[in-house]
Amino acid sequence: MAIRRYTASADTTITNAFEANLQLRGTGSNMGYADSLEVFSIYGQESGSTTGNSQELTRFLIKFPISTIIADRAASPTRLPASGSVSFYLKMYNAETPFTLPQDFTLDVTAVSESWSEGTGLDMDEYKDKGEANWLKATSTTDWDIIGGTYHTATTDTTYKATFPVGPENIELNVTDLVEQWVDSTYANYGFGIKLTASQEAYYSSSTGENTSVLIQNTGGAVQSYYTKKFFSRSTEFFFKKPVIEARWDSRVSDDRESFYYSSSLAPAADNLNTLYLYNYVRGQLVNIPAVGTNDILVSLYSGSSTTPTGTVLTLYDGNTNITGGHVSAGIYSASVALTAAATPLTKLYDVWHSGSTQYLTSSIIPAKFPTYNNAPTFQFDTTIKNLKSTYSVSDKARFRTFIRNKNWSPNIYTVATAINPTDTITSASYKIYRVVDNLDVVGYGTGSNKSTYLSYDVSGNYFDVDMSLLEKGYKYGIKLSYYNGSIGDWIEQPETFKFRVE
């Protein structure tokens, strides 16, 4: 599974809003233990105010465990890809309230530039819980450099925009640039500050042109109110509503051993390439070949009888007899090749993995020619998950293996009698996981640019891995699969549902 989630490690709301008596402000209040986080701006609550003195703002601060991201990347085997191979998304979830929900507004998600304390306050209504952080103080001993929190101003890599056309939308922002700069210590990790964009925070003009002790100078601000937007905090009881940074990456293994095609003039160069894999398991563990390590490895192709390679090594289109392969991850190597069929195509090939005269693996391939069609084909499949269990532990990391057949497949007597029937391979397939009781998608289809929920495939067909710690225990979940159908240019969700429970 190419998804890891990092739940917020600290969060709180800070405000300069009036208390209920409209006399005192809640600038010293803290909401670090509240189960929601709040953003609003109120203009003109004090009747007769013409200078904006009644400006009331709420912002919130949220921090994530970047040290855990660093540790996951440094682990052996690594639990997180290197920079450039993974994307990080800030995900926060709308919390419904009985108050008016603003529309057509924008939140600035900006890196905080000072250390702050979460605090233990709960009161989000009367502002009676005093503590740090608050509107004036970052910690018990430190004032903010600027009231309302201090934020980086290099907007190209430290500020993001979240838009809300209707109001109840969630936040899902690609914050990869900033997370990577926290990881490499370009910036210290003080988390995000989230607030209405400056033009939508309430107008205020001071006589000095500067902030007062509690009010933000904002002559370009709004003379209307935006009240109130709430998100679930890390203290919420709802498992899937906690704010997270979600790491997504493409972890697919695209092993073409079972779907190896001869080159065709009808196919683009990329589709004529076939990728083969070597998996070096020792005592059940993937380990690098000692003499190869993370260096290149060579692969040669031979024709042969039904059981062994014979004859001389095949000469490739570039005149070479060796394919140069590379290291993928611990114990895994891959090599890609395009091969043109001879006048009489070979029905079986053997790939020999070696370095110099030392051979490490000999395996076999059944090559085929690309099918051709004189009309637009209709693809329909029957799918099963062969190794699905009814129950998993929250600590399990499960690998699900599919068996896929075209609905129009008509087996003959020999095929039915064969102990192991080959499965179809779907090169573009994705999965999602939802909670059965309320149909909540807890892992959505990752069919975008990073392909985080694409299925891998090898000689045994398609498969995918699920880290059960992403799921809340005590519930039943369903898996749905979707296959890309090139003949209509769209993803088709398959009719089957595969259910299991996490305990």
Foldseek 3Di string as FASTA:
>chain_A
DQKDKWFWPWKWKAKQADFPVNPHGLQQFIATQAQKYKWKWAFCPPPPDDFRPNTITMKMFIFTPLVVVLVQCVDVVHNHDDPPFKWKKWWWAWDDDPDDFFAWFKKKKFAFQDAADSDDDHDPHRSPHGAPDYQFARHPVGGAPDGRGHTDDPCVQGIDMDTGHGGRDIGIGTNRSVSVCCSVPVGPGRGIMMYTPLQAHTAHDDPVRQADSRGGHRNNHDNHIRDMTMTGDCNHPDLLRGIIIMMFFAPAAAACQQPQEADDPVDPPVVLKGKHKFADADPRDQADDVVQHFHKKKKWKAAPDPPDGDDDTDQAPVRDRIFIWGHDGGNMIMTMGHHHADPPGGQKMWMWIGDPPGTDDIDMGGYDHDDDDPDLDDFDKDKDFPDDDAEDELQDKDKTAMAIDTPPDDDDPVQVPDPDHAGDAFSFKFKWKAFPVVRHTLGDTPNDDRRRGTWHAHRRYTMDIDNSNSDDAPTKMKMWMWGQRPSVGGIHIHPDIDMHHYD
